[in-house]
Amino acid sequence: MSDGQKIMRAAGFLMGANLLSRLLGFVRESLMAGLFGQTAATDAYNTAFILPDLVYWLLVGGILSAAFIPVLSGFIAAGREEEGWIVVSSVVNMVFILLCLLVIAAIFAVPAFVAWQAPGFTPENQALTVVLCRILLLQPVVLAFSGITMGVLNSYKIFWPSAAGTVLYNVCVIGCGALGADPERPESISGFAFGVVLGALVNFLVQIPFLRRVGLRYHPLIAWRHPGVRRILALALPMIVMYALNQLQVVVNTNLASALPPGSVSAIWYSYRLFQLPVGIFALAIGVAVLPTLSEQAAQRRRREFVHTLSEAIRAIAFLTIPISVFFIVLRTPLIRLLFEHGAFGPDDTATTAIPLLFFALGISAQAVLQILPRGFYALQNTWIPVLLGTVAMALTVALMFLLIGPLRHGGLALATSIGVVVQDILLFFVLRRKTGGLDGWRILGALARTTLISLVMGAAVWQWSSLAGVWWGAGKLAACAILGTSGLIGLFVFIVFAELLRMPELRSAWQLFGRR
């Protein structure tokens, strides 16, 4: 079996697991929307995640995404597994100590951070945000172990335990949220926060048995001088810098949105999660599956195969996500109505959420490709270039937020994010192309052009049908379900027919991907 087939086989499973996890995630979001609406309470809940996420990404996210898997994969490929386990143990011990210290400090700093982060909140809502944030700060410690365990298993190209863990994570959040919720008491939204902590713990525990299968060997030490540990720290440092800067973008986003009418922060977050849906199902699955193979090819200096793997992954992701982007733009209102509009979440909330979703949808494919391009640099064990280019794109995004919030309100914040992602992709592509001596650019450009063309044809057909169906069936929840279902079938048929007419090889890859699963 070729590397490409192995990647697609792994990605096919991950897509199925991610799809189930994301569907449960929307059950969770829909439950919260129905219970609490799009209000100050949900604004507080979404804002409370910012500090815990910052703590996690500062110490763990950069290590996992850019350093841990490439270095460990190199040891495995070279047959030096025992050294790999020394490195793993050292990283685990170091991260645990530093993370505990940082979480304790963060717990005391929460009130000041919330006041700075959301100055537009009322005192009561700031107090609720502080409580929720302190609960959620328990998550990063547990999530760190879960993430490192996932990194170890992924290095051995074992993907499904972590995928199953994300499904159980959402089950825990849904269960705790439903049991603890009381719509008359905004503070009862804390049930969802406790569910997040429990879900992170379950996600970790479900992976432990599989560590034993790959020969877990834990060492109670921190080998500061081991080349592998130093290499991970050197690779992770720029990622830590980048994640810290990215949080500045999140801070600016929430800071500006907190001064808008109540519910604006939640509208951005609900639409952002829809924006991340195809990214999480398709792009993240392919990105996770492709990194160990890219790392192996880079370690063995198989440049031609490395470029082919990157090109195939980019074309596959674009082929899958460009039509979804068009579909979201055309059918954003019935989509939000179906997922969220019930209970305390009314038609006005749907209209408010549809605005940022329009602008986020413009960047879906760019965000999806962003799951691949930096991994090309990570496989080459070069993390500074993505950081520098990401910093440029982040600075542009922040500047655009200030410029666009005036005319477009919360929609301007979403549009700024999409533009920043597109610019970041362009910069990454051309620098990586120069570094590898070529990146199959004309083939990628041709695939993007053909996919965009047939997606626009599909979008026109879907728009025409949904307009007629809306007149016939109205604007209720059942009507939204019927419009989305029939439009999806029509859009899929049109897209496949035109892809066959243009004889796009990406269609065959997609059939292989879904046919196996």
Protein backbone atom coordinates (compact mmCIF):
# COMPACT_ATOMS: atom_id res chain seq x y z
CA MET A 1 0.00 0.00 0.00
CA SER A 2 1.41 3.41 -1.01
CA ASP A 3 1.91 6.31 1.40
CA GLY A 4 -0.99 8.15 -0.23
CA GLN A 5 -3.33 5.19 0.23
CA LYS A 6 -2.27 4.81 3.87
CA ILE A 7 -2.90 8.50 4.48
CA MET A 8 -6.34 8.39 2.84
CA ARG A 9 -7.24 5.24 4.74
CA ALA A 10 -6.31 6.85 8.07
CA ALA A 11 -7.98 10.10 7.07
CA GLY A 12 -11.16 8.25 6.10
CA PHE A 13 -11.49 6.81 9.58
CA LEU A 14 -10.66 10.12 11.24
CA MET A 15 -13.26 11.90 9.12
CA GLY A 16 -15.94 9.47 10.26
CA ALA A 17 -14.97 9.88 13.91
CA ASN A 18 -14.66 13.65 13.56
CA LEU A 19 -18.05 13.81 11.87
CA LEU A 20 -19.67 12.01 14.80
CA SER A 21 -17.78 14.21 17.27
CA ARG A 22 -18.78 17.41 15.45
CA LEU A 23 -22.41 16.32 15.25
CA LEU A 24 -22.38 15.75 19.00
CA GLY A 25 -20.70 19.13 19.33
CA PHE A 26 -23.65 20.72 17.58
CA VAL A 27 -26.05 18.82 19.80
CA ARG A 28 -24.15 20.43 22.68
CA GLU A 29 -24.32 23.90 21.11
CA SER A 30 -27.97 23.47 20.17
CA LEU A 31 -28.80 22.36 23.71
CA MET A 32 -27.08 25.41 25.16
CA ALA A 33 -28.76 27.73 22.64
CA GLY A 34 -32.17 26.29 23.44
CA LEU A 35 -31.65 26.58 27.20
CA PHE A 36 -29.93 29.96 27.42
CA GLY A 37 -30.43 31.57 24.01
CA GLN A 38 -27.91 34.06 22.65
CA THR A 39 -27.50 36.10 25.82
CA ALA A 40 -25.05 37.54 28.31
CA ALA A 41 -24.75 34.07 29.93
CA THR A 42 -23.58 32.43 26.71
CA ASP A 43 -21.27 35.40 26.08
CA ALA A 44 -19.73 34.74 29.50
CA TYR A 45 -19.35 31.01 28.79
CA ASN A 46 -17.60 31.55 25.46
CA THR A 47 -15.33 34.27 26.87
CA ALA A 48 -14.36 32.06 29.81
CA PHE A 49 -12.54 29.69 27.45
CA ILE A 50 -9.96 32.25 26.33
CA LEU A 51 -7.57 32.09 29.32
CA PRO A 52 -7.65 28.26 29.70
CA ASP A 53 -7.04 27.92 25.96
CA LEU A 54 -4.13 30.35 26.21
CA VAL A 55 -2.59 28.33 29.05
CA TYR A 56 -2.99 25.08 27.10
CA TRP A 57 -1.61 26.34 23.81
CA LEU A 58 1.32 28.11 25.42
CA LEU A 59 2.68 24.92 27.00
CA VAL A 60 1.17 22.03 25.05
CA GLY A 61 -0.28 23.06 21.69
CA GLY A 62 3.02 24.17 20.16
CA ILE A 63 4.85 21.11 21.43
CA LEU A 64 2.28 18.74 19.95
CA SER A 65 1.48 20.41 16.65
CA ALA A 66 4.99 21.34 15.57
CA ALA A 67 7.59 19.41 17.54
CA PHE A 68 6.50 16.26 19.35
CA ILE A 69 5.24 14.12 16.47
CA PRO A 70 8.02 14.98 13.94
CA VAL A 71 10.81 14.32 16.47
CA LEU A 72 9.27 11.13 17.87
CA SER A 73 8.49 9.88 14.33
CA GLY A 74 12.17 10.41 13.51
CA PHE A 75 13.24 8.18 16.40
CA ILE A 76 10.73 5.50 15.39
CA ALA A 77 11.82 5.61 11.72
CA ALA A 78 15.45 5.26 12.82
CA GLY A 79 14.66 2.27 15.09
CA ARG A 80 15.62 4.19 18.28
CA GLU A 81 12.36 3.76 20.21
CA GLU A 82 13.98 3.57 23.66
CA GLU A 83 15.45 7.03 23.19
CA GLY A 84 12.03 8.15 21.98
CA TRP A 85 10.44 7.05 25.27
CA ILE A 86 13.06 8.95 27.26
CA VAL A 87 12.13 12.04 25.27
CA VAL A 88 8.40 11.41 25.80
CA SER A 89 8.85 10.98 29.55
CA SER A 90 10.96 14.11 29.85
CA VAL A 91 8.43 16.20 27.95
CA VAL A 92 5.50 14.84 30.00
CA ASN A 93 7.23 15.56 33.32
CA MET A 94 8.32 19.02 32.28
CA VAL A 95 4.92 20.01 30.90
CA PHE A 96 3.08 18.74 33.99
CA ILE A 97 5.20 20.78 36.42
CA LEU A 98 5.08 23.99 34.37
CA LEU A 99 1.38 23.62 33.60
CA CYS A 100 0.41 23.20 37.25
CA LEU A 101 2.37 26.33 38.18
CA LEU A 102 0.83 28.33 35.34
CA VAL A 103 -2.73 27.19 36.16
CA ILE A 104 -2.35 28.17 39.82
CA ALA A 105 -1.11 31.61 38.80
CA ALA A 106 -3.93 31.95 36.25
CA ILE A 107 -6.61 31.14 38.85
CA PHE A 108 -5.56 34.19 40.87
CA ALA A 109 -5.26 36.36 37.76
CA VAL A 110 -8.72 35.55 36.36
CA PRO A 111 -10.61 38.67 37.64
CA ALA A 112 -8.06 41.08 36.19
CA PHE A 113 -7.89 39.14 32.92
CA VAL A 114 -11.68 39.12 32.47
CA ALA A 115 -11.92 42.85 33.20
CA TRP A 116 -9.30 43.48 30.53
CA GLN A 117 -10.71 40.93 28.10
CA ALA A 118 -14.38 41.98 28.19
CA PRO A 119 -14.66 45.58 29.42
CA GLY A 120 -18.09 45.90 27.81
CA PHE A 121 -19.64 43.22 30.06
CA THR A 122 -21.78 44.24 33.02
CA PRO A 123 -20.27 43.60 36.51
CA GLU A 124 -22.65 40.66 36.99
CA ASN A 125 -21.60 39.09 33.69
CA GLN A 126 -17.91 39.64 34.46
CA ALA A 127 -18.42 37.84 37.80
CA LEU A 128 -20.06 34.88 36.02
CA THR A 129 -17.21 34.79 33.51
CA VAL A 130 -14.69 34.62 36.38
CA VAL A 131 -16.46 31.62 37.95
CA LEU A 132 -16.68 29.76 34.64
CA CYS A 133 -13.06 30.53 33.78
CA ARG A 134 -11.80 29.14 37.08
CA ILE A 135 -13.70 25.90 36.50
CA LEU A 136 -12.35 25.60 32.97
CA LEU A 137 -8.76 26.15 34.15
CA LEU A 138 -8.85 22.57 35.46
CA GLN A 139 -9.09 21.39 31.85
CA PRO A 140 -5.60 22.25 30.48
CA VAL A 141 -3.76 19.92 32.89
CA VAL A 142 -5.90 16.93 31.91
CA LEU A 143 -6.00 17.93 28.26
CA ALA A 144 -2.19 18.10 28.20
CA PHE A 145 -1.90 14.40 29.07
CA SER A 146 -4.59 13.57 26.54
CA GLY A 147 -2.80 15.56 23.84
CA ILE A 148 0.63 14.05 24.52
CA THR A 149 -0.87 10.56 24.55
CA MET A 150 -2.50 11.33 21.21
CA GLY A 151 0.86 12.54 19.88
CA VAL A 152 2.56 9.29 20.90
CA LEU A 153 -0.13 7.12 19.29
CA ASN A 154 -0.20 9.25 16.13
CA SER A 155 3.57 8.86 15.82
CA TYR A 156 2.92 5.11 15.61
CA LYS A 157 0.13 5.91 13.09
CA ILE A 158 -2.57 4.82 15.56
CA PHE A 159 -5.33 7.40 15.28
CA TRP A 160 -8.66 6.00 16.43
CA PRO A 161 -8.34 6.08 20.28
CA SER A 162 -7.97 9.87 20.33
CA ALA A 163 -10.79 10.18 17.78
CA ALA A 164 -13.04 8.07 20.03
CA GLY A 165 -11.99 10.20 22.98
CA THR A 166 -13.29 13.37 21.31
CA VAL A 167 -16.67 11.70 20.85
CA LEU A 168 -16.83 10.77 24.54
CA TYR A 169 -15.72 14.30 25.43
CA ASN A 170 -18.82 15.76 23.80
CA VAL A 171 -21.05 13.14 25.41
CA CYS A 172 -19.77 14.25 28.84
CA VAL A 173 -20.35 17.94 28.10
CA ILE A 174 -23.90 17.26 26.85
CA GLY A 175 -24.74 15.09 29.87
CA CYS A 176 -23.41 17.48 32.51
CA GLY A 177 -24.86 20.51 30.76
CA ALA A 178 -28.33 18.98 30.50
CA LEU A 179 -28.35 17.79 34.12
CA GLY A 180 -27.17 21.07 35.61
CA ALA A 181 -29.03 23.60 33.43
CA ASP A 182 -31.80 25.84 34.74
CA PRO A 183 -32.77 28.55 32.21
CA GLU A 184 -34.01 30.76 35.05
CA ARG A 185 -30.53 30.86 36.61
CA PRO A 186 -27.73 32.03 34.25
CA GLU A 187 -25.06 30.65 36.61
CA SER A 188 -26.34 27.11 35.96
CA ILE A 189 -24.53 27.26 32.62
CA SER A 190 -21.56 26.14 34.74
CA GLY A 191 -22.81 22.57 34.23
CA PHE A 192 -21.38 22.74 30.72
CA ALA A 193 -18.05 23.94 32.14
CA PHE A 194 -17.87 20.98 34.55
CA GLY A 195 -18.72 18.71 31.60
CA VAL A 196 -15.72 20.09 29.69
CA VAL A 197 -13.37 19.11 32.54
CA LEU A 198 -14.92 15.63 32.88
CA GLY A 199 -14.83 15.14 29.10
CA ALA A 200 -11.12 15.98 28.97
CA LEU A 201 -10.45 13.36 31.67
CA VAL A 202 -12.43 10.67 29.83
CA ASN A 203 -10.63 11.57 26.59
CA PHE A 204 -7.32 10.85 28.31
CA LEU A 205 -8.38 7.64 30.07
CA VAL A 206 -9.72 5.99 26.90
CA GLN A 207 -6.27 6.25 25.27
CA ILE A 208 -4.22 4.72 28.11
CA PRO A 209 -4.72 1.01 27.19
CA PHE A 210 -3.28 1.65 23.73
CA LEU A 211 -0.07 3.11 25.12
CA ARG A 212 0.64 -0.31 26.59
CA ARG A 213 0.16 -1.88 23.15
CA VAL A 214 2.94 0.24 21.68
CA GLY A 215 5.22 -0.62 24.60
CA LEU A 216 4.84 2.30 27.01
CA ARG A 217 8.05 2.87 28.97
CA TYR A 218 7.79 5.77 31.41
CA HIS A 219 10.92 7.29 32.97
CA PRO A 220 10.61 9.61 36.02
CA LEU A 221 13.20 12.09 34.77
CA ILE A 222 13.72 15.27 32.77
CA ALA A 223 16.65 14.70 30.42
CA TRP A 224 17.44 18.34 29.72
CA ARG A 225 20.57 17.51 27.78
CA HIS A 226 19.08 14.84 25.52
CA PRO A 227 19.19 16.06 21.88
CA GLY A 228 15.59 14.99 21.30
CA VAL A 229 14.29 17.00 24.26
CA ARG A 230 16.31 20.03 23.21
CA ARG A 231 15.06 19.64 19.65
CA ILE A 232 11.43 19.59 20.80
CA LEU A 233 11.97 22.67 22.96
CA ALA A 234 13.72 24.48 20.11
CA LEU A 235 10.91 23.63 17.68
CA ALA A 236 8.17 24.45 20.21
CA LEU A 237 9.53 27.87 21.19
CA PRO A 238 8.43 29.69 18.03
CA MET A 239 5.03 28.00 18.23
CA ILE A 240 4.61 29.25 21.79
CA VAL A 241 5.35 32.74 20.52
CA MET A 242 2.84 32.33 17.69
CA TYR A 243 0.05 31.03 19.92
CA ALA A 244 0.62 33.90 22.33
CA LEU A 245 0.28 36.35 19.44
CA ASN A 246 -2.79 34.52 18.11
CA GLN A 247 -4.44 34.97 21.48
CA LEU A 248 -3.96 38.69 20.98
CA GLN A 249 -6.23 38.35 17.95
CA VAL A 250 -8.81 36.50 20.07
CA VAL A 251 -8.55 39.15 22.78
CA VAL A 252 -9.09 41.97 20.27
CA ASN A 253 -12.03 40.10 18.75
CA THR A 254 -13.79 39.56 22.08
CA ASN A 255 -12.84 43.00 23.39
CA LEU A 256 -14.44 44.70 20.40
CA ALA A 257 -17.47 42.38 20.36
CA SER A 258 -18.12 42.86 24.10
CA ALA A 259 -19.04 46.50 23.38
CA LEU A 260 -21.66 45.44 20.81
CA PRO A 261 -25.24 44.45 21.83
CA PRO A 262 -25.52 41.40 24.17
CA GLY A 263 -25.34 38.17 22.24
CA SER A 264 -22.81 39.46 19.67
CA VAL A 265 -19.97 37.41 21.18
CA SER A 266 -22.16 34.30 21.10
CA ALA A 267 -23.22 34.99 17.49
CA ILE A 268 -19.57 35.09 16.46
CA TRP A 269 -18.78 31.89 18.37
CA TYR A 270 -21.78 29.95 17.03
CA SER A 271 -20.94 30.95 13.45
CA TYR A 272 -17.24 30.26 14.07
CA ARG A 273 -18.05 26.72 15.16
CA LEU A 274 -20.02 26.20 11.96
CA PHE A 275 -17.05 27.63 10.06
CA GLN A 276 -14.81 25.07 11.79
CA LEU A 277 -17.14 22.14 11.07
CA PRO A 278 -15.79 21.16 7.62
CA VAL A 279 -12.28 22.07 8.76
CA GLY A 280 -12.56 19.69 11.71
CA ILE A 281 -14.14 16.86 9.73
CA PHE A 282 -12.05 16.92 6.56
CA ALA A 283 -8.95 19.11 6.83
CA LEU A 284 -7.93 18.25 10.38
CA ALA A 285 -8.37 14.53 9.68
CA ILE A 286 -6.12 14.69 6.61
CA GLY A 287 -3.65 16.96 8.44
CA VAL A 288 -3.33 14.59 11.40
CA ALA A 289 -2.98 11.58 9.07
CA VAL A 290 -0.43 13.23 6.78
CA LEU A 291 2.04 14.63 9.37
CA PRO A 292 3.70 11.31 10.38
CA THR A 293 4.15 10.39 6.70
CA LEU A 294 5.55 13.84 5.82
CA SER A 295 7.90 13.61 8.81
CA GLU A 296 9.09 10.17 7.71
CA GLN A 297 9.63 11.31 4.10
CA ALA A 298 11.50 14.41 5.26
CA ALA A 299 13.70 12.39 7.63
CA GLN A 300 14.58 10.01 4.79
CA ARG A 301 15.12 12.90 2.33
CA ARG A 302 12.49 11.64 -0.14
CA ARG A 303 11.82 15.11 -1.55
CA ARG A 304 9.74 14.08 -4.58
CA GLU A 305 7.41 11.96 -2.46
CA PHE A 306 7.24 14.74 0.14
CA VAL A 307 6.06 17.25 -2.49
CA HIS A 308 3.60 14.75 -3.96
CA THR A 309 2.09 14.03 -0.52
CA LEU A 310 1.66 17.75 0.20
CA SER A 311 0.13 18.43 -3.23
CA GLU A 312 -2.29 15.52 -2.95
CA ALA A 313 -3.40 16.62 0.53
CA ILE A 314 -3.96 20.25 -0.52
CA ARG A 315 -5.93 19.28 -3.64
CA ALA A 316 -8.05 16.78 -1.70
CA ILE A 317 -8.91 19.34 0.98
CA ALA A 318 -9.78 22.04 -1.55
CA PHE A 319 -11.95 19.61 -3.51
CA LEU A 320 -13.90 18.72 -0.36
CA THR A 321 -14.24 22.18 1.21
CA ILE A 322 -14.77 24.69 -1.60
CA PRO A 323 -18.28 23.32 -2.40
CA ILE A 324 -19.07 23.28 1.33
CA SER A 325 -18.06 26.94 1.52
CA VAL A 326 -20.48 27.81 -1.28
CA PHE A 327 -23.20 25.68 0.32
CA PHE A 328 -22.79 27.52 3.65
CA ILE A 329 -22.98 30.91 1.95
CA VAL A 330 -26.18 30.07 0.07
CA LEU A 331 -27.96 28.18 2.87
CA ARG A 332 -26.58 29.82 6.02
CA THR A 333 -30.01 30.93 7.33
CA PRO A 334 -31.82 27.55 7.16
CA LEU A 335 -28.66 25.89 8.50
CA ILE A 336 -28.63 28.07 11.63
CA ARG A 337 -32.40 27.76 11.97
CA LEU A 338 -32.19 23.97 11.96
CA LEU A 339 -29.27 23.69 14.37
CA PHE A 340 -29.99 26.41 16.91
CA GLU A 341 -33.43 27.99 16.58
CA HIS A 342 -35.53 26.59 19.41
CA GLY A 343 -36.33 27.48 23.00
CA ALA A 344 -34.67 30.77 23.96
CA PHE A 345 -32.89 31.06 20.58
CA GLY A 346 -35.33 32.91 18.28
CA PRO A 347 -35.51 34.15 14.66
CA ASP A 348 -33.71 37.40 15.54
CA ASP A 349 -30.80 35.35 16.91
CA THR A 350 -30.73 33.36 13.65
CA ALA A 351 -30.50 36.57 11.62
CA THR A 352 -27.75 37.91 13.90
CA THR A 353 -25.70 34.71 13.59
CA ALA A 354 -26.13 34.49 9.80
CA ILE A 355 -24.15 37.72 9.32
CA PRO A 356 -20.74 36.53 10.62
CA LEU A 357 -21.33 33.07 9.12
CA LEU A 358 -21.50 34.63 5.64
CA PHE A 359 -18.05 36.18 6.09
CA PHE A 360 -16.56 33.18 7.87
CA ALA A 361 -17.76 30.89 5.04
CA LEU A 362 -15.63 32.84 2.57
CA GLY A 363 -12.55 31.53 4.37
CA ILE A 364 -13.50 27.89 4.97
CA SER A 365 -11.22 26.46 2.27
CA ALA A 366 -8.35 28.73 3.25
CA GLN A 367 -8.69 27.65 6.88
CA ALA A 368 -8.78 24.02 5.73
CA VAL A 369 -5.58 24.34 3.68
CA LEU A 370 -3.99 25.98 6.72
CA GLN A 371 -4.15 22.57 8.41
CA ILE A 372 -1.67 21.26 5.82
CA LEU A 373 0.82 23.95 4.80
CA PRO A 374 2.37 24.57 8.26
CA ARG A 375 2.70 20.81 8.73
CA GLY A 376 5.00 20.78 5.71
CA PHE A 377 7.35 23.07 7.65
CA TYR A 378 6.89 21.05 10.86
CA ALA A 379 7.87 17.84 9.04
CA LEU A 380 11.02 19.63 7.90
CA GLN A 381 11.52 20.58 11.58
CA ASN A 382 11.32 24.27 10.80
CA THR A 383 8.79 26.13 12.93
CA TRP A 384 10.06 29.70 12.80
CA ILE A 385 8.93 30.40 9.24
CA PRO A 386 5.23 29.57 9.90
CA VAL A 387 5.41 31.70 13.04
CA LEU A 388 6.84 34.72 11.25
CA LEU A 389 4.35 34.45 8.39
CA GLY A 390 1.51 33.84 10.83
CA THR A 391 2.50 36.94 12.75
CA VAL A 392 2.27 39.03 9.58
CA ALA A 393 -1.19 37.62 8.84
CA MET A 394 -2.30 38.13 12.45
CA ALA A 395 -1.23 41.78 12.41
CA LEU A 396 -3.22 42.30 9.20
CA THR A 397 -6.27 40.59 10.75
CA VAL A 398 -6.20 42.77 13.87
CA ALA A 399 -5.86 45.93 11.78
CA LEU A 400 -8.81 44.85 9.61
CA MET A 401 -10.93 44.17 12.71
CA PHE A 402 -10.60 47.80 13.77
CA LEU A 403 -11.36 48.98 10.23
CA LEU A 404 -14.32 46.70 9.51
CA ILE A 405 -16.20 46.63 12.84
CA GLY A 406 -17.57 50.10 12.15
CA PRO A 407 -19.36 49.42 8.83
CA LEU A 408 -20.03 45.67 9.34
CA ARG A 409 -20.28 45.34 13.15
CA HIS A 410 -19.67 41.72 14.24
CA GLY A 411 -19.63 40.66 10.58
CA GLY A 412 -16.51 42.78 10.12
CA LEU A 413 -14.67 40.71 12.75
CA ALA A 414 -15.48 37.54 10.81
CA LEU A 415 -14.45 39.03 7.46
CA ALA A 416 -11.13 40.19 8.92
CA THR A 417 -10.46 36.63 10.11
CA SER A 418 -11.16 35.15 6.66
CA ILE A 419 -8.95 37.67 4.87
CA GLY A 420 -6.11 37.01 7.31
CA VAL A 421 -6.30 33.25 6.73
CA VAL A 422 -6.18 33.67 2.94
CA VAL A 423 -3.11 35.90 3.19
CA GLN A 424 -1.42 33.43 5.54
CA ASP A 425 -2.02 30.56 3.08
CA ILE A 426 -0.52 32.53 0.19
CA LEU A 427 2.59 33.43 2.18
CA LEU A 428 3.08 29.87 3.45
CA PHE A 429 2.65 28.35 0.00
CA PHE A 430 5.21 30.51 -1.77
CA VAL A 431 7.82 30.23 0.98
CA LEU A 432 7.38 26.44 1.24
CA ARG A 433 7.54 26.19 -2.56
CA ARG A 434 10.85 28.02 -2.51
CA LYS A 435 12.18 25.87 0.33
CA THR A 436 11.31 22.56 -1.38
CA GLY A 437 12.32 23.61 -4.88
CA GLY A 438 8.76 23.28 -6.19
CA LEU A 439 5.35 22.40 -4.84
CA ASP A 440 3.35 21.15 -7.84
CA GLY A 441 1.90 24.66 -8.05
CA TRP A 442 0.31 24.57 -11.51
CA ARG A 443 -1.44 21.30 -10.75
CA ILE A 444 -2.78 22.70 -7.47
CA LEU A 445 -3.89 25.92 -9.17
CA GLY A 446 -5.69 23.98 -11.92
CA ALA A 447 -7.49 21.83 -9.35
CA LEU A 448 -8.52 24.94 -7.37
CA ALA A 449 -9.84 26.66 -10.52
CA ARG A 450 -11.87 23.64 -11.65
CA THR A 451 -13.24 22.98 -8.16
CA THR A 452 -14.25 26.63 -7.76
CA LEU A 453 -15.96 26.67 -11.16
CA ILE A 454 -18.11 23.59 -10.54
CA SER A 455 -18.82 24.77 -6.97
CA LEU A 456 -20.24 28.04 -8.33
CA VAL A 457 -22.41 26.09 -10.79
CA MET A 458 -23.56 23.92 -7.88
CA GLY A 459 -24.22 27.04 -5.78
CA ALA A 460 -26.38 28.57 -8.50
CA ALA A 461 -28.47 25.39 -8.75
CA VAL A 462 -28.84 25.15 -4.96
CA TRP A 463 -29.76 28.84 -4.64
CA GLN A 464 -32.44 28.53 -7.33
CA TRP A 465 -33.95 25.44 -5.74
CA SER A 466 -33.82 26.76 -2.16
CA SER A 467 -35.52 30.01 -3.23
CA LEU A 468 -38.42 28.08 -4.76
CA ALA A 469 -38.58 25.64 -1.84
CA GLY A 470 -38.64 28.52 0.65
CA VAL A 471 -41.72 29.94 -1.07
CA TRP A 472 -43.46 26.55 -1.07
CA TRP A 473 -42.50 25.28 2.40
CA GLY A 474 -42.09 28.46 4.47
CA ALA A 475 -39.48 29.23 7.10
CA GLY A 476 -40.15 26.75 9.90
CA LYS A 477 -37.75 24.19 11.36
CA LEU A 478 -39.17 21.31 9.32
CA ALA A 479 -38.97 23.45 6.22
CA ALA A 480 -35.32 24.24 6.97
CA CYS A 481 -34.61 20.52 7.34
CA ALA A 482 -36.33 19.73 4.04
CA ILE A 483 -34.59 22.59 2.20
CA LEU A 484 -31.16 21.57 3.48
CA GLY A 485 -31.73 17.90 2.70
CA THR A 486 -33.02 18.36 -0.84
CA SER A 487 -30.52 21.12 -1.60
CA GLY A 488 -27.69 18.92 -0.39
CA LEU A 489 -28.73 16.10 -2.71
CA ILE A 490 -29.12 18.45 -5.68
CA GLY A 491 -25.80 20.13 -4.95
CA LEU A 492 -23.99 16.82 -4.55
CA PHE A 493 -25.44 15.51 -7.83
CA VAL A 494 -24.48 18.64 -9.78
CA PHE A 495 -20.98 18.73 -8.27
CA ILE A 496 -20.25 15.06 -9.03
CA VAL A 497 -21.59 15.28 -12.59
CA PHE A 498 -19.41 18.27 -13.46
CA ALA A 499 -16.39 16.77 -11.68
CA GLU A 500 -16.84 13.64 -13.84
CA LEU A 501 -17.17 15.75 -16.99
CA LEU A 502 -13.91 17.54 -16.15
CA ARG A 503 -12.31 14.18 -15.23
CA MET A 504 -10.93 15.48 -11.98
CA PRO A 505 -8.59 12.97 -10.28
CA GLU A 506 -9.60 14.41 -6.91
CA LEU A 507 -13.04 12.86 -7.40
CA ARG A 508 -11.47 9.41 -7.58
CA SER A 509 -9.52 10.13 -4.39
CA ALA A 510 -12.76 11.20 -2.71
CA TRP A 511 -14.52 7.99 -3.80
CA GLN A 512 -11.61 6.02 -2.40
CA LEU A 513 -11.70 8.02 0.81
CA PHE A 514 -15.43 7.57 1.48
CA GLY A 515 -15.80 4.19 -0.18
CA ARG A 516 -13.40 2.60 2.30
CA ARG A 517 -15.41 3.98 5.22
